[in-house]
N, C-alpha and C. Protein backbone atom coordinates (compact mmCIF):
# COMPACT_ATOMS: atom_id res chain seq x y z
N MET A 1 114.85 97.45 73.68
CA MET A 1 114.19 96.16 73.84
C MET A 1 113.25 96.21 75.05
N ARG A 2 112.02 95.78 74.86
CA ARG A 2 111.07 95.75 75.96
C ARG A 2 111.39 94.60 76.90
N LEU A 3 111.30 94.86 78.19
CA LEU A 3 111.60 93.81 79.17
C LEU A 3 110.45 92.80 79.21
N PRO A 4 110.75 91.52 79.10
CA PRO A 4 109.70 90.49 79.15
C PRO A 4 109.33 90.18 80.60
N LEU A 5 108.57 91.07 81.24
CA LEU A 5 108.32 90.94 82.67
C LEU A 5 107.56 89.66 83.01
N VAL A 6 106.57 89.29 82.18
CA VAL A 6 105.82 88.06 82.46
C VAL A 6 106.74 86.85 82.36
N THR A 7 107.58 86.84 81.35
CA THR A 7 108.51 85.73 81.17
C THR A 7 109.51 85.66 82.31
N LEU A 8 109.99 86.82 82.74
CA LEU A 8 110.93 86.85 83.87
C LEU A 8 110.26 86.38 85.15
N GLU A 9 108.98 86.70 85.32
CA GLU A 9 108.26 86.22 86.50
C GLU A 9 108.15 84.70 86.49
N ILE A 10 107.92 84.16 85.32
CA ILE A 10 107.84 82.69 85.19
C ILE A 10 109.21 82.08 85.44
N PHE A 11 110.26 82.67 84.89
CA PHE A 11 111.63 82.20 85.14
C PHE A 11 111.93 82.20 86.64
N ASN A 12 111.55 83.27 87.32
CA ASN A 12 111.81 83.39 88.75
C ASN A 12 111.05 82.31 89.53
N ALA A 13 109.82 82.00 89.11
CA ALA A 13 109.03 80.97 89.78
C ALA A 13 109.66 79.59 89.59
N ILE A 14 110.18 79.32 88.39
CA ILE A 14 110.85 78.02 88.15
C ILE A 14 112.07 77.90 89.05
N ALA A 15 112.86 78.97 89.12
CA ALA A 15 114.07 78.94 89.95
C ALA A 15 113.71 78.78 91.42
N ALA A 16 112.64 79.42 91.86
CA ALA A 16 112.26 79.36 93.27
C ALA A 16 111.72 78.00 93.66
N HIS A 17 110.95 77.35 92.77
CA HIS A 17 110.30 76.09 93.09
C HIS A 17 111.07 74.87 92.61
N GLY A 18 112.02 75.08 91.71
CA GLY A 18 112.81 73.95 91.22
C GLY A 18 112.03 72.96 90.40
N SER A 19 110.91 73.41 89.84
CA SER A 19 110.06 72.51 89.06
C SER A 19 109.18 73.33 88.14
N MET A 20 109.03 72.86 86.90
CA MET A 20 108.18 73.54 85.94
C MET A 20 106.71 73.45 86.37
N ARG A 21 106.31 72.26 86.84
CA ARG A 21 104.93 72.07 87.25
C ARG A 21 104.61 72.89 88.50
N ALA A 22 105.52 72.90 89.44
CA ALA A 22 105.30 73.67 90.67
C ALA A 22 105.23 75.16 90.35
N ALA A 23 106.05 75.62 89.42
CA ALA A 23 106.01 77.03 89.01
C ALA A 23 104.65 77.35 88.40
N ALA A 24 104.15 76.45 87.56
CA ALA A 24 102.85 76.65 86.93
C ALA A 24 101.74 76.73 87.97
N GLU A 25 101.78 75.84 88.97
CA GLU A 25 100.77 75.84 90.01
C GLU A 25 100.82 77.12 90.84
N SER A 26 102.03 77.60 91.14
CA SER A 26 102.16 78.81 91.97
C SER A 26 101.63 80.04 91.24
N LEU A 27 101.74 80.05 89.91
CA LEU A 27 101.30 81.19 89.12
C LEU A 27 99.87 81.03 88.60
N GLY A 28 99.31 79.83 88.76
CA GLY A 28 97.95 79.59 88.29
C GLY A 28 97.84 79.51 86.78
N ILE A 29 98.87 78.97 86.12
CA ILE A 29 98.86 78.85 84.67
C ILE A 29 99.17 77.40 84.28
N LYS A 30 99.06 77.09 83.01
CA LYS A 30 99.31 75.73 82.53
C LYS A 30 100.81 75.46 82.43
N PRO A 31 101.25 74.21 82.69
CA PRO A 31 102.67 73.87 82.53
C PRO A 31 103.18 74.15 81.11
N SER A 32 102.32 73.96 80.11
CA SER A 32 102.74 74.23 78.74
C SER A 32 103.06 75.71 78.53
N THR A 33 102.33 76.58 79.24
CA THR A 33 102.61 78.02 79.15
C THR A 33 103.96 78.34 79.76
N VAL A 34 104.29 77.68 80.88
CA VAL A 34 105.60 77.87 81.51
C VAL A 34 106.70 77.44 80.55
N THR A 35 106.54 76.28 79.92
CA THR A 35 107.53 75.77 78.98
C THR A 35 107.71 76.73 77.81
N HIS A 36 106.61 77.24 77.28
CA HIS A 36 106.67 78.16 76.14
C HIS A 36 107.42 79.44 76.50
N HIS A 37 107.11 80.03 77.65
CA HIS A 37 107.77 81.29 78.04
C HIS A 37 109.25 81.08 78.32
N LEU A 38 109.59 79.95 78.94
CA LEU A 38 111.00 79.68 79.20
C LEU A 38 111.78 79.52 77.90
N LYS A 39 111.21 78.82 76.94
CA LYS A 39 111.88 78.66 75.65
C LYS A 39 112.07 80.01 74.96
N THR A 40 111.04 80.85 75.05
CA THR A 40 111.12 82.18 74.44
C THR A 40 112.24 82.99 75.08
N LEU A 41 112.34 82.93 76.41
CA LEU A 41 113.38 83.68 77.13
C LEU A 41 114.77 83.16 76.77
N GLU A 42 114.92 81.86 76.73
CA GLU A 42 116.22 81.28 76.40
C GLU A 42 116.61 81.62 74.96
N ASP A 43 115.64 81.64 74.05
CA ASP A 43 115.93 82.02 72.66
C ASP A 43 116.34 83.49 72.59
N GLN A 44 115.69 84.32 73.38
CA GLN A 44 116.00 85.76 73.37
C GLN A 44 117.40 86.02 73.92
N ILE A 45 117.76 85.30 74.98
CA ILE A 45 119.09 85.49 75.58
C ILE A 45 120.17 84.77 74.77
N GLY A 46 119.79 83.65 74.19
CA GLY A 46 120.73 82.92 73.36
C GLY A 46 121.48 81.83 74.08
N THR A 47 120.97 81.39 75.22
CA THR A 47 121.63 80.32 75.97
C THR A 47 120.63 79.67 76.90
N ALA A 48 120.94 78.45 77.35
CA ALA A 48 120.06 77.73 78.28
C ALA A 48 120.16 78.34 79.67
N LEU A 49 119.03 78.40 80.35
CA LEU A 49 119.00 78.95 81.70
C LEU A 49 118.84 77.88 82.76
N PHE A 50 118.38 76.70 82.36
CA PHE A 50 118.20 75.58 83.29
C PHE A 50 118.77 74.31 82.68
N ILE A 51 119.26 73.45 83.56
CA ILE A 51 119.60 72.07 83.18
C ILE A 51 118.42 71.22 83.63
N ARG A 52 117.72 70.66 82.68
CA ARG A 52 116.49 69.94 82.98
C ARG A 52 116.71 68.44 82.85
N THR A 53 116.34 67.72 83.93
CA THR A 53 116.37 66.26 83.90
C THR A 53 114.97 65.78 84.28
N THR A 54 114.78 64.47 84.31
CA THR A 54 113.47 63.94 84.67
C THR A 54 113.16 64.16 86.15
N ARG A 55 114.18 64.42 86.94
CA ARG A 55 113.98 64.55 88.38
C ARG A 55 114.10 65.99 88.89
N SER A 56 114.82 66.85 88.17
CA SER A 56 115.06 68.19 88.71
C SER A 56 115.27 69.21 87.61
N VAL A 57 115.19 70.46 88.03
CA VAL A 57 115.48 71.59 87.16
C VAL A 57 116.47 72.48 87.91
N ARG A 58 117.69 72.63 87.37
CA ARG A 58 118.72 73.41 88.04
C ARG A 58 119.20 74.53 87.14
N LEU A 59 119.56 75.66 87.78
CA LEU A 59 120.03 76.81 87.03
C LEU A 59 121.40 76.56 86.42
N THR A 60 121.59 77.03 85.21
CA THR A 60 122.93 77.05 84.60
C THR A 60 123.66 78.29 85.13
N GLU A 61 124.88 78.47 84.74
CA GLU A 61 125.63 79.66 85.15
C GLU A 61 124.93 80.92 84.64
N ALA A 62 124.45 80.86 83.40
CA ALA A 62 123.73 82.01 82.86
C ALA A 62 122.43 82.24 83.63
N GLY A 63 121.78 81.14 84.01
CA GLY A 63 120.55 81.26 84.79
C GLY A 63 120.79 81.89 86.15
N ARG A 64 121.90 81.50 86.78
CA ARG A 64 122.23 82.10 88.08
C ARG A 64 122.52 83.59 87.95
N ALA A 65 123.19 83.97 86.85
CA ALA A 65 123.48 85.39 86.63
C ALA A 65 122.19 86.18 86.45
N LEU A 66 121.25 85.60 85.69
CA LEU A 66 119.96 86.28 85.50
C LEU A 66 119.18 86.34 86.81
N MET A 67 119.26 85.28 87.60
CA MET A 67 118.54 85.24 88.86
C MET A 67 119.07 86.29 89.83
N ARG A 68 120.39 86.48 89.84
CA ARG A 68 120.97 87.48 90.75
C ARG A 68 120.47 88.89 90.43
N GLY A 69 120.26 89.17 89.16
CA GLY A 69 119.79 90.50 88.79
C GLY A 69 118.28 90.63 88.77
N ALA A 70 117.60 89.62 88.23
CA ALA A 70 116.15 89.72 88.06
C ALA A 70 115.39 89.45 89.35
N GLY A 71 115.90 88.56 90.18
CA GLY A 71 115.19 88.20 91.40
C GLY A 71 114.89 89.40 92.30
N PRO A 72 115.91 90.16 92.72
CA PRO A 72 115.64 91.33 93.57
C PRO A 72 114.76 92.37 92.87
N ALA A 73 114.95 92.53 91.55
CA ALA A 73 114.15 93.51 90.82
C ALA A 73 112.68 93.12 90.83
N LEU A 74 112.38 91.84 90.66
CA LEU A 74 110.99 91.39 90.68
C LEU A 74 110.40 91.53 92.08
N GLU A 75 111.20 91.29 93.11
CA GLU A 75 110.72 91.48 94.47
C GLU A 75 110.38 92.95 94.72
N GLN A 76 111.23 93.85 94.21
CA GLN A 76 110.96 95.28 94.37
C GLN A 76 109.68 95.69 93.63
N LEU A 77 109.49 95.11 92.45
CA LEU A 77 108.26 95.40 91.71
C LEU A 77 107.03 94.92 92.47
N ALA A 78 107.12 93.74 93.06
CA ALA A 78 106.00 93.20 93.83
C ALA A 78 105.72 94.08 95.05
N GLU A 79 106.80 94.54 95.71
CA GLU A 79 106.62 95.42 96.87
C GLU A 79 106.01 96.75 96.46
N ALA A 80 106.43 97.26 95.29
CA ALA A 80 105.88 98.53 94.80
C ALA A 80 104.40 98.39 94.50
N MET A 81 104.00 97.26 93.90
CA MET A 81 102.59 97.02 93.61
C MET A 81 101.77 96.97 94.90
N GLU A 82 102.31 96.26 95.90
CA GLU A 82 101.60 96.14 97.16
C GLU A 82 101.51 97.49 97.88
N SER A 83 102.59 98.27 97.79
CA SER A 83 102.59 99.59 98.39
C SER A 83 101.56 100.50 97.74
N ALA A 84 101.47 100.44 96.40
CA ALA A 84 100.48 101.23 95.68
C ALA A 84 99.07 100.80 96.04
N ARG A 85 98.87 99.49 96.18
CA ARG A 85 97.55 98.98 96.52
C ARG A 85 97.13 99.44 97.92
N SER A 86 98.04 99.32 98.89
CA SER A 86 97.71 99.72 100.26
C SER A 86 97.53 101.23 100.37
N THR A 87 98.33 101.99 99.60
CA THR A 87 98.20 103.44 99.63
C THR A 87 96.87 103.88 99.03
N GLY A 88 96.49 103.24 97.93
CA GLY A 88 95.23 103.60 97.30
C GLY A 88 94.02 103.26 98.13
N ASN A 89 94.12 102.19 98.95
CA ASN A 89 92.97 101.75 99.74
C ASN A 89 92.93 102.36 101.13
N ALA A 90 94.05 102.92 101.56
CA ALA A 90 94.09 103.48 102.91
C ALA A 90 93.63 104.93 102.90
N ALA A 91 92.94 105.30 103.96
CA ALA A 91 92.51 106.69 104.10
C ALA A 91 93.64 107.48 104.72
N ARG A 92 94.27 108.35 103.95
CA ARG A 92 95.38 109.14 104.44
C ARG A 92 95.45 110.44 103.66
N GLY A 93 96.24 111.37 104.17
CA GLY A 93 96.40 112.64 103.49
C GLY A 93 95.72 113.76 104.25
N THR A 94 95.46 114.86 103.56
CA THR A 94 94.85 116.04 104.16
C THR A 94 93.43 116.22 103.65
N LEU A 95 92.52 116.48 104.56
CA LEU A 95 91.11 116.73 104.22
C LEU A 95 90.79 118.17 104.59
N ARG A 96 90.49 118.99 103.57
CA ARG A 96 90.23 120.42 103.78
C ARG A 96 88.73 120.70 103.69
N LEU A 97 88.19 121.25 104.76
CA LEU A 97 86.76 121.52 104.84
C LEU A 97 86.51 122.98 105.19
N ALA A 98 85.46 123.54 104.61
CA ALA A 98 84.99 124.87 104.99
C ALA A 98 83.63 124.71 105.64
N LEU A 99 83.42 125.35 106.77
CA LEU A 99 82.16 125.18 107.47
C LEU A 99 81.84 126.39 108.33
N PRO A 100 80.57 126.72 108.44
CA PRO A 100 80.17 127.80 109.35
C PRO A 100 80.30 127.32 110.80
N GLU A 101 80.34 128.28 111.71
CA GLU A 101 80.56 127.94 113.12
C GLU A 101 79.46 127.03 113.66
N PHE A 102 78.22 127.27 113.23
CA PHE A 102 77.13 126.44 113.76
C PHE A 102 77.32 124.97 113.37
N ALA A 103 77.85 124.71 112.15
CA ALA A 103 78.06 123.33 111.71
C ALA A 103 79.16 122.67 112.52
N TYR A 104 80.17 123.47 112.89
CA TYR A 104 81.24 122.91 113.72
C TYR A 104 80.68 122.46 115.07
N HIS A 105 79.92 123.31 115.72
CA HIS A 105 79.38 122.97 117.04
C HIS A 105 78.31 121.88 116.96
N LEU A 106 77.54 121.88 115.87
CA LEU A 106 76.42 120.95 115.76
C LEU A 106 76.85 119.54 115.34
N ARG A 107 77.79 119.45 114.39
CA ARG A 107 78.13 118.15 113.81
C ARG A 107 79.62 117.81 113.88
N VAL A 108 80.47 118.70 113.44
CA VAL A 108 81.88 118.36 113.27
C VAL A 108 82.62 118.25 114.60
N GLY A 109 82.48 119.25 115.45
CA GLY A 109 83.19 119.23 116.73
C GLY A 109 82.94 117.98 117.54
N PRO A 110 81.68 117.58 117.74
CA PRO A 110 81.41 116.37 118.54
C PRO A 110 81.96 115.09 117.91
N ALA A 111 82.20 115.10 116.60
CA ALA A 111 82.66 113.88 115.92
C ALA A 111 84.17 113.82 115.74
N LEU A 112 84.89 114.88 116.13
CA LEU A 112 86.33 114.93 115.86
C LEU A 112 87.10 113.80 116.52
N LYS A 113 86.83 113.54 117.78
CA LYS A 113 87.58 112.50 118.51
C LYS A 113 87.39 111.14 117.85
N THR A 114 86.14 110.79 117.54
CA THR A 114 85.86 109.51 116.89
C THR A 114 86.51 109.43 115.52
N PHE A 115 86.45 110.54 114.76
CA PHE A 115 87.03 110.54 113.41
C PHE A 115 88.54 110.37 113.45
N THR A 116 89.23 111.12 114.30
CA THR A 116 90.69 111.04 114.35
C THR A 116 91.17 109.69 114.85
N GLU A 117 90.39 109.05 115.71
CA GLU A 117 90.76 107.70 116.16
C GLU A 117 90.57 106.68 115.05
N ALA A 118 89.52 106.86 114.25
CA ALA A 118 89.24 105.91 113.16
C ALA A 118 90.17 106.12 111.97
N PHE A 119 90.60 107.38 111.73
CA PHE A 119 91.44 107.69 110.58
C PHE A 119 92.66 108.51 111.03
N PRO A 120 93.59 107.87 111.72
CA PRO A 120 94.73 108.61 112.28
C PRO A 120 95.67 109.19 111.23
N GLN A 121 95.61 108.70 109.99
CA GLN A 121 96.51 109.19 108.95
C GLN A 121 95.92 110.33 108.12
N ILE A 122 94.76 110.80 108.52
CA ILE A 122 94.14 111.94 107.84
C ILE A 122 94.35 113.20 108.68
N ALA A 123 94.91 114.23 108.06
CA ALA A 123 95.09 115.52 108.71
C ALA A 123 93.94 116.43 108.30
N LEU A 124 93.20 116.93 109.28
CA LEU A 124 92.06 117.78 109.01
C LEU A 124 92.47 119.25 109.00
N GLU A 125 92.02 119.98 107.98
CA GLU A 125 92.18 121.43 107.93
C GLU A 125 90.78 122.04 107.85
N LEU A 126 90.38 122.72 108.91
CA LEU A 126 89.03 123.29 108.98
C LEU A 126 89.09 124.80 108.82
N SER A 127 88.36 125.30 107.85
CA SER A 127 88.21 126.74 107.66
C SER A 127 86.83 127.12 108.19
N VAL A 128 86.79 127.64 109.43
CA VAL A 128 85.52 127.97 110.07
C VAL A 128 85.14 129.40 109.68
N THR A 129 84.18 129.50 108.79
CA THR A 129 83.75 130.79 108.28
C THR A 129 82.31 130.71 107.81
N ASP A 130 81.58 131.80 107.99
CA ASP A 130 80.20 131.84 107.50
C ASP A 130 80.12 132.26 106.04
N ALA A 131 81.25 132.67 105.46
CA ALA A 131 81.27 133.05 104.05
C ALA A 131 81.09 131.82 103.17
N LEU A 132 80.47 132.00 102.01
CA LEU A 132 80.28 130.89 101.07
C LEU A 132 81.56 130.70 100.27
N SER A 133 82.41 129.79 100.73
CA SER A 133 83.69 129.57 100.08
C SER A 133 83.50 128.91 98.72
N ASP A 134 84.39 129.25 97.78
CA ASP A 134 84.43 128.57 96.49
C ASP A 134 85.29 127.33 96.67
N ILE A 135 84.65 126.17 96.76
CA ILE A 135 85.33 124.94 97.12
C ILE A 135 86.47 124.62 96.15
N LEU A 136 86.21 124.72 94.86
CA LEU A 136 87.23 124.38 93.87
C LEU A 136 88.34 125.43 93.84
N GLU A 137 87.96 126.69 93.86
CA GLU A 137 88.94 127.77 93.76
C GLU A 137 89.89 127.78 94.95
N GLU A 138 89.40 127.45 96.12
CA GLU A 138 90.21 127.51 97.34
C GLU A 138 90.86 126.17 97.68
N GLY A 139 90.76 125.20 96.79
CA GLY A 139 91.41 123.91 97.02
C GLY A 139 90.82 123.10 98.16
N LEU A 140 89.52 123.24 98.38
CA LEU A 140 88.84 122.52 99.44
C LEU A 140 88.27 121.20 98.91
N HIS A 141 88.06 120.26 99.82
CA HIS A 141 87.46 118.98 99.42
C HIS A 141 85.95 118.97 99.60
N ALA A 142 85.47 119.75 100.56
CA ALA A 142 84.02 119.78 100.82
C ALA A 142 83.71 121.01 101.66
N GLY A 143 82.43 121.33 101.74
CA GLY A 143 81.99 122.45 102.55
C GLY A 143 80.62 122.18 103.13
N PHE A 144 80.30 122.86 104.20
CA PHE A 144 78.99 122.74 104.83
C PHE A 144 78.19 123.99 104.51
N ARG A 145 76.94 123.79 104.20
CA ARG A 145 76.07 124.90 103.83
C ARG A 145 74.76 124.83 104.63
N LEU A 146 74.14 125.98 104.79
CA LEU A 146 72.85 126.06 105.46
C LEU A 146 71.75 126.10 104.40
N GLY A 147 70.80 125.20 104.51
CA GLY A 147 69.68 125.19 103.57
C GLY A 147 70.10 124.76 102.18
N ASP A 148 69.63 125.53 101.18
CA ASP A 148 69.87 125.14 99.78
C ASP A 148 70.93 126.01 99.11
N LYS A 149 71.81 126.61 99.87
CA LYS A 149 72.84 127.49 99.30
C LYS A 149 74.00 126.65 98.76
N VAL A 150 73.72 125.94 97.67
CA VAL A 150 74.70 125.04 97.07
C VAL A 150 74.81 125.35 95.58
N ALA A 151 76.04 125.43 95.07
CA ALA A 151 76.24 125.68 93.65
C ALA A 151 75.64 124.55 92.82
N GLU A 152 75.23 124.87 91.60
CA GLU A 152 74.52 123.91 90.76
C GLU A 152 75.35 122.67 90.44
N ASP A 153 76.66 122.83 90.30
CA ASP A 153 77.50 121.69 89.90
C ASP A 153 78.07 120.93 91.09
N MET A 154 77.61 121.23 92.31
CA MET A 154 78.09 120.54 93.49
C MET A 154 77.14 119.41 93.89
N ILE A 155 77.70 118.36 94.45
CA ILE A 155 76.90 117.25 94.98
C ILE A 155 76.63 117.53 96.46
N ALA A 156 75.36 117.50 96.86
CA ALA A 156 74.99 117.84 98.23
C ALA A 156 74.36 116.64 98.94
N LEU A 157 74.72 116.46 100.20
CA LEU A 157 74.14 115.44 101.05
C LEU A 157 73.58 116.10 102.30
N LYS A 158 72.36 115.73 102.68
CA LYS A 158 71.74 116.29 103.87
C LYS A 158 72.30 115.59 105.11
N ILE A 159 72.80 116.35 106.08
CA ILE A 159 73.40 115.74 107.27
C ILE A 159 72.56 115.94 108.52
N THR A 160 71.49 116.73 108.43
CA THR A 160 70.59 116.91 109.57
C THR A 160 69.15 116.99 109.06
N PRO A 161 68.20 116.70 109.90
CA PRO A 161 66.80 116.99 109.53
C PRO A 161 66.59 118.50 109.56
N PRO A 162 65.45 118.98 109.11
CA PRO A 162 65.19 120.43 109.17
C PRO A 162 65.35 120.95 110.60
N LEU A 163 66.04 122.08 110.73
CA LEU A 163 66.32 122.65 112.05
C LEU A 163 65.36 123.80 112.33
N ARG A 164 64.92 123.90 113.57
CA ARG A 164 64.04 124.99 113.97
C ARG A 164 64.88 126.12 114.56
N LEU A 165 64.56 127.35 114.18
CA LEU A 165 65.22 128.52 114.72
C LEU A 165 64.39 129.12 115.84
N ALA A 166 65.05 129.75 116.77
CA ALA A 166 64.34 130.35 117.90
C ALA A 166 64.90 131.74 118.18
N VAL A 167 64.02 132.63 118.63
CA VAL A 167 64.44 133.96 119.10
C VAL A 167 64.65 133.86 120.60
N MET A 168 65.81 134.30 121.05
CA MET A 168 66.17 134.13 122.45
C MET A 168 66.49 135.48 123.09
N ALA A 169 66.27 135.54 124.37
CA ALA A 169 66.59 136.74 125.15
C ALA A 169 66.97 136.32 126.56
N SER A 170 67.79 137.12 127.21
CA SER A 170 68.18 136.82 128.59
C SER A 170 67.04 137.19 129.54
N PRO A 171 66.94 136.51 130.65
CA PRO A 171 65.90 136.85 131.63
C PRO A 171 65.97 138.30 132.09
N SER A 172 67.18 138.84 132.24
CA SER A 172 67.31 140.22 132.70
C SER A 172 66.77 141.20 131.65
N TYR A 173 66.97 140.89 130.36
CA TYR A 173 66.45 141.76 129.31
C TYR A 173 64.91 141.75 129.32
N LEU A 174 64.35 140.57 129.41
CA LEU A 174 62.89 140.46 129.41
C LEU A 174 62.28 141.13 130.63
N GLU A 175 62.99 141.05 131.75
CA GLU A 175 62.48 141.71 132.95
C GLU A 175 62.48 143.23 132.79
N ALA A 176 63.50 143.73 132.07
CA ALA A 176 63.61 145.18 131.90
C ALA A 176 62.72 145.71 130.78
N HIS A 177 62.51 144.92 129.71
CA HIS A 177 61.82 145.44 128.54
C HIS A 177 60.50 144.72 128.22
N GLY A 178 60.20 143.72 128.96
CA GLY A 178 58.96 142.99 128.72
C GLY A 178 59.16 141.84 127.74
N THR A 179 58.22 140.91 127.76
CA THR A 179 58.30 139.73 126.89
C THR A 179 57.37 139.92 125.70
N PRO A 180 57.89 139.84 124.46
CA PRO A 180 57.01 139.99 123.28
C PRO A 180 56.05 138.81 123.20
N SER A 181 54.85 139.09 122.78
CA SER A 181 53.84 138.03 122.68
C SER A 181 53.63 137.55 121.26
N LYS A 182 54.06 138.34 120.28
CA LYS A 182 53.95 137.94 118.87
C LYS A 182 55.13 138.53 118.11
N PRO A 183 55.43 137.98 116.91
CA PRO A 183 56.62 138.40 116.17
C PRO A 183 56.71 139.90 115.92
N ARG A 184 55.59 140.57 115.62
CA ARG A 184 55.67 142.00 115.30
C ARG A 184 56.12 142.82 116.51
N ASP A 185 55.97 142.28 117.73
CA ASP A 185 56.41 143.00 118.93
C ASP A 185 57.92 143.19 118.95
N LEU A 186 58.64 142.36 118.17
CA LEU A 186 60.10 142.46 118.15
C LEU A 186 60.57 143.77 117.54
N LEU A 187 59.69 144.43 116.78
CA LEU A 187 60.07 145.72 116.18
C LEU A 187 60.35 146.76 117.26
N ASP A 188 59.84 146.58 118.44
CA ASP A 188 60.04 147.52 119.54
C ASP A 188 61.16 147.09 120.49
N HIS A 189 61.92 146.06 120.09
CA HIS A 189 62.97 145.55 120.97
C HIS A 189 64.34 145.72 120.32
N ASN A 190 65.36 145.63 121.17
CA ASN A 190 66.75 145.71 120.70
C ASN A 190 67.18 144.32 120.24
N CYS A 191 67.14 144.09 118.95
CA CYS A 191 67.45 142.76 118.39
C CYS A 191 68.83 142.76 117.75
N ILE A 192 69.48 141.62 117.84
CA ILE A 192 70.79 141.42 117.20
C ILE A 192 70.56 140.76 115.85
N ASN A 193 70.95 141.44 114.80
CA ASN A 193 70.78 140.89 113.44
C ASN A 193 72.07 140.26 112.94
N TYR A 194 71.91 139.40 111.96
CA TYR A 194 73.07 138.71 111.36
C TYR A 194 73.29 139.24 109.95
N ARG A 195 74.54 139.56 109.63
CA ARG A 195 74.88 140.04 108.29
C ARG A 195 75.66 138.94 107.55
N PHE A 196 75.20 138.61 106.35
CA PHE A 196 75.89 137.59 105.56
C PHE A 196 77.26 138.09 105.14
N PRO A 197 78.35 137.33 105.40
CA PRO A 197 79.69 137.78 105.04
C PRO A 197 79.89 137.94 103.53
N SER A 198 79.28 137.06 102.74
CA SER A 198 79.51 137.10 101.30
C SER A 198 78.79 138.25 100.62
N SER A 199 77.50 138.44 100.94
CA SER A 199 76.70 139.47 100.25
C SER A 199 76.62 140.78 101.03
N GLY A 200 76.86 140.74 102.34
CA GLY A 200 76.73 141.94 103.16
C GLY A 200 75.31 142.25 103.55
N ALA A 201 74.35 141.43 103.13
CA ALA A 201 72.94 141.68 103.43
C ALA A 201 72.60 141.23 104.84
N ILE A 202 71.61 141.90 105.43
CA ILE A 202 71.12 141.50 106.74
C ILE A 202 70.16 140.33 106.58
N ALA A 203 70.36 139.29 107.37
CA ALA A 203 69.49 138.11 107.27
C ALA A 203 68.10 138.46 107.80
N PRO A 204 67.07 138.18 107.04
CA PRO A 204 65.70 138.48 107.51
C PRO A 204 65.24 137.47 108.55
N TRP A 205 64.36 137.91 109.41
CA TRP A 205 63.71 137.01 110.37
C TRP A 205 62.39 136.58 109.76
N LEU A 206 62.24 135.31 109.56
CA LEU A 206 61.02 134.78 108.92
C LEU A 206 60.23 133.96 109.93
N PHE A 207 58.97 134.29 110.06
CA PHE A 207 58.08 133.56 110.97
C PHE A 207 56.95 132.95 110.16
N SER A 208 56.60 131.73 110.50
CA SER A 208 55.57 131.03 109.73
C SER A 208 54.17 131.34 110.24
N ASP A 209 54.04 131.79 111.48
CA ASP A 209 52.71 132.00 112.04
C ASP A 209 52.80 133.09 113.10
N GLU A 210 51.88 134.05 113.08
CA GLU A 210 51.88 135.12 114.06
C GLU A 210 51.04 134.79 115.28
N ALA A 211 50.38 133.63 115.26
CA ALA A 211 49.50 133.28 116.37
C ALA A 211 50.31 132.99 117.61
C-alpha cells in the first residue's frame, strides 16, 4: 500500500491547529480539500480520527495513535527536505584543480585567503604541474591553461588579459657577456629553455619585432 503522504500532512495540520479551516490556511489549500482528504484517510483506515463539533476538532483514540506515529515521521521528512535543500545550495566538498606554477603565483595563490574565508566548507586540492592534465580522466573539476591549449569539448573562460613575455638576465651576466640589442643576438648567449612536460618539445622563443 502506498503511503498517503499528502493526506497524512493534512491530518497532521488538523491535529496541530485543532481546526479544519486553520489547517487549510496553514497549508495554503481550500477547506473543502482538507475535508476531502480527511474523509479519504478515515475511509482507508476504517475509523474516525477526529470528533468534530461546531466549536472544536479533537482526536479520537485512533487519531491519537496515528498522531504518535505519523507526527515524528513527518517532522523527520521535513527536516530531511530542509537538509537536502541546504546541502544542495551550500558550497561544500572538495574542489580539485590542476594548474601550472605561473597560474598559482599569478592568480590562485593571491586569492586563497579570500576564497577559504568565503567558502570554509570547500577543501581545495591543487595539482601544480605544467603538464596538460586530462581533467576528466584524473577526476579533476577544472584546470588552468596557457593560451589556447584547451580540449575541444572543454568550456574555457579567460581569467587574464593577454600577457607579455620578457627575456631576463641578471646584471652580473650582462656585465660579463654584454647586453643583446636585438633578438638574434640571443643565439650567442647562454639561454635557459623550457621543455614542455607533455610533449617533451622545447618551447620556441617568438618575437614579434626585431627592431
